[in-house]
Amino acid sequence: MDRAGGVRVATKIAGNVFDLPSSRPDDADIIRISRADMAKSRQRIRTAAGSDVGIILGRGTILRHGDVLQGDGLDRPIIVEQVPETVAQLRFENPDGKTLIIAGHIIGNRHRPVSVKEDGGALTFPIQDKTELETFERLFAEMAGDVKISADEEIFIPHKGADVQGHE
């Protein structure tokens, strides 16, 4: 299907610009989308250029930041840009095993996906807004000397093995 009620439709992911940066199409349009909406395999969205586009992908397909969408009805490829979200960032000062286990338990008990910073010195996870940071400061108060917590806005990409979707 290339059109749904006059709306152009993206039906496949042709690649990702971060996997092969030279594959970034020069003529591409852009959609900016939240991490939550990236898990929807069917949706309608407006591109940066103002076009209405339907996305119809296989069930269970999850978009990733940098994906290039194509479809028979599209006049040009569309690049997916994930929008930044509020995250809590934990920095560990000389952590021992106990500190790391308790931190993992606190975050996991709230079913939050996590991401480990490339330098390995910080762990991030999404929060609703900066006011929720107070809750986590209270939960980590016992470890105040070992853990520094702050909030930031960033494109959150969960660690592949730690993207929590619920109990199985």
Protein backbone atom coordinates (compact mmCIF):
# COMPACT_ATOMS: atom_id res chain seq x y z
CA MET A 1 0.00 0.00 0.00
CA ASP A 2 1.50 3.34 -0.95
CA ARG A 3 -1.27 5.71 0.12
CA ALA A 4 -3.88 5.71 2.86
CA GLY A 5 -6.50 8.38 2.31
CA GLY A 6 -4.03 10.58 0.41
CA VAL A 7 -1.29 10.13 2.99
CA ARG A 8 2.08 8.85 1.81
CA VAL A 9 3.12 5.66 3.57
CA ALA A 10 6.52 4.44 4.76
CA THR A 11 6.60 0.64 4.74
CA LYS A 12 10.22 -0.35 5.32
CA ILE A 13 13.42 0.58 7.12
CA ALA A 14 16.18 0.84 4.51
CA GLY A 15 19.04 1.18 7.00
CA ASN A 16 20.35 3.48 9.68
CA VAL A 17 22.57 6.52 9.11
CA PHE A 18 24.57 5.75 12.26
CA ASP A 19 25.40 2.22 11.11
CA LEU A 20 26.68 3.52 7.78
CA PRO A 21 26.93 7.36 7.84
CA SER A 22 27.63 7.49 4.12
CA SER A 23 24.12 6.10 3.57
CA ARG A 24 22.47 9.36 4.72
CA PRO A 25 20.35 10.46 1.75
CA ASP A 26 20.92 14.09 0.71
CA ASP A 27 17.28 14.63 -0.24
CA ALA A 28 15.72 13.09 2.90
CA ASP A 29 12.90 14.57 4.93
CA ILE A 30 12.90 14.19 8.73
CA ILE A 31 10.44 13.07 11.38
CA ARG A 32 11.08 13.92 15.01
CA ILE A 33 9.53 11.34 17.27
CA SER A 34 9.52 10.37 20.95
CA ARG A 35 11.04 7.11 22.17
CA ALA A 36 7.56 5.93 23.19
CA ASP A 37 6.18 6.55 19.69
CA MET A 38 9.14 4.76 18.12
CA ALA A 39 7.65 1.49 19.41
CA LYS A 40 4.45 1.99 17.38
CA SER A 41 4.53 0.10 14.10
CA ARG A 42 1.50 1.99 12.73
CA GLN A 43 1.08 5.73 13.08
CA ARG A 44 0.57 8.98 11.24
CA ILE A 45 3.04 11.81 11.63
CA ARG A 46 4.00 15.13 10.04
CA THR A 47 7.51 15.54 8.65
CA ALA A 48 9.79 18.55 9.13
CA ALA A 49 8.86 19.62 5.57
CA GLY A 50 5.16 19.53 6.50
CA SER A 51 4.04 16.33 4.76
CA ASP A 52 1.64 13.89 6.39
CA VAL A 53 3.15 10.41 6.39
CA GLY A 54 1.75 7.11 7.52
CA ILE A 55 4.12 4.55 8.97
CA ILE A 56 3.08 0.94 8.47
CA LEU A 57 5.77 -1.50 9.53
CA GLY A 58 5.73 -5.15 10.55
CA ARG A 59 4.21 -5.93 13.93
CA GLY A 60 6.82 -5.58 16.68
CA THR A 61 9.12 -3.37 14.60
CA ILE A 62 10.68 -0.64 16.74
CA LEU A 63 12.17 2.41 15.09
CA ARG A 64 15.66 3.56 16.08
CA HIS A 65 17.25 6.99 16.02
CA GLY A 66 18.74 7.37 12.53
CA ASP A 67 16.54 4.85 10.71
CA VAL A 68 15.85 5.65 7.06
CA LEU A 69 12.25 4.98 6.05
CA GLN A 70 11.16 4.28 2.49
CA GLY A 71 7.95 3.36 0.75
CA ASP A 72 6.54 3.17 -2.76
CA GLY A 73 4.40 6.27 -2.24
CA LEU A 74 7.16 8.44 -0.79
CA ASP A 75 8.86 10.96 -3.05
CA ARG A 76 11.98 10.90 -0.84
CA PRO A 77 13.37 8.90 2.12
CA ILE A 78 12.58 9.94 5.69
CA ILE A 79 15.13 9.94 8.51
CA VAL A 80 13.90 9.21 12.04
CA GLU A 81 15.22 11.63 14.67
CA GLN A 82 14.46 10.71 18.26
CA VAL A 83 13.61 13.72 20.43
CA PRO A 84 15.55 14.27 23.66
CA GLU A 85 13.84 13.35 26.92
CA THR A 86 14.48 13.94 30.60
CA VAL A 87 16.83 11.39 32.13
CA ALA A 88 18.38 10.87 35.53
CA GLN A 89 22.12 10.36 35.46
CA LEU A 90 23.93 8.46 38.20
CA ARG A 91 27.69 8.92 38.57
CA PHE A 92 29.44 6.48 40.85
CA GLU A 93 32.39 7.54 43.01
CA ASN A 94 34.55 4.45 43.66
CA PRO A 95 31.60 2.06 43.65
CA ASP A 96 31.75 -1.29 45.37
CA GLY A 97 29.62 -4.28 44.44
CA LYS A 98 27.01 -3.51 47.11
CA THR A 99 26.44 0.02 45.78
CA LEU A 100 25.99 -1.22 42.21
CA ILE A 101 23.63 -4.02 43.25
CA ILE A 102 21.43 -1.67 45.31
CA ALA A 103 21.39 0.92 42.51
CA GLY A 104 20.37 -1.78 40.02
CA HIS A 105 17.64 -2.98 42.36
CA ILE A 106 16.21 0.53 42.90
CA ILE A 107 16.09 1.29 39.17
CA GLY A 108 14.91 -2.18 38.16
CA ASN A 109 12.18 -2.18 40.79
CA ARG A 110 10.72 0.85 38.97
CA HIS A 111 10.94 -0.94 35.61
CA ARG A 112 13.21 1.64 34.01
CA PRO A 113 15.40 0.86 31.03
CA VAL A 114 19.02 1.92 31.55
CA SER A 115 21.92 3.09 29.44
CA VAL A 116 25.58 2.97 30.41
CA LYS A 117 27.64 5.95 29.27
CA GLU A 118 30.52 5.11 26.97
CA ASP A 119 33.07 6.13 29.61
CA GLY A 120 31.43 3.57 31.93
CA GLY A 121 31.23 6.09 34.77
CA ALA A 122 27.53 6.89 34.54
CA LEU A 123 24.19 5.17 34.25
CA THR A 124 21.15 6.97 32.82
CA PHE A 125 17.44 6.13 32.87
CA PRO A 126 14.32 8.07 31.83
CA ILE A 127 12.26 10.04 34.33
CA GLN A 128 8.91 11.78 33.82
CA ASP A 129 10.30 15.23 34.62
CA LYS A 130 12.91 16.86 36.83
CA THR A 131 10.58 16.84 39.86
CA GLU A 132 10.78 13.03 39.88
CA LEU A 133 14.49 13.43 40.57
CA GLU A 134 13.60 14.19 44.23
CA THR A 135 12.15 10.68 44.57
CA PHE A 136 15.35 9.09 43.31
CA GLU A 137 17.50 11.39 45.46
CA ARG A 138 15.56 10.11 48.47
CA LEU A 139 15.95 6.48 47.33
CA PHE A 140 19.71 6.93 46.84
CA ALA A 141 20.20 9.03 50.02
CA GLU A 142 21.85 6.12 51.86
CA MET A 143 24.55 6.07 49.16
CA ALA A 144 25.03 9.86 49.01
CA GLY A 145 28.82 9.65 49.20
CA ASP A 146 29.01 6.97 46.50
CA VAL A 147 26.40 8.19 44.00
CA LYS A 148 25.81 11.61 42.48
CA ILE A 149 22.44 12.05 40.77
CA SER A 150 21.44 14.76 38.31
CA ALA A 151 18.91 15.33 35.53
CA ASP A 152 19.57 16.14 31.91
CA GLU A 153 17.86 16.20 28.51
CA GLU A 154 19.26 13.74 25.97
CA ILE A 155 18.39 11.22 23.33
CA PHE A 156 17.98 8.14 25.48
CA ILE A 157 18.91 4.86 23.84
CA PRO A 158 18.47 1.94 26.23
CA HIS A 159 21.10 -0.76 26.60
CA LYS A 160 19.95 -3.63 24.38
CA GLY A 161 19.79 -6.13 27.24
CA ALA A 162 18.16 -3.75 29.68
CA ASP A 163 15.16 -2.34 27.81
CA VAL A 164 12.41 -3.29 30.25
CA GLN A 165 8.96 -3.86 28.76
CA GLY A 166 7.38 -5.50 31.82
CA HIS A 167 7.23 -8.92 33.43
CA GLU A 168 7.21 -11.97 31.20
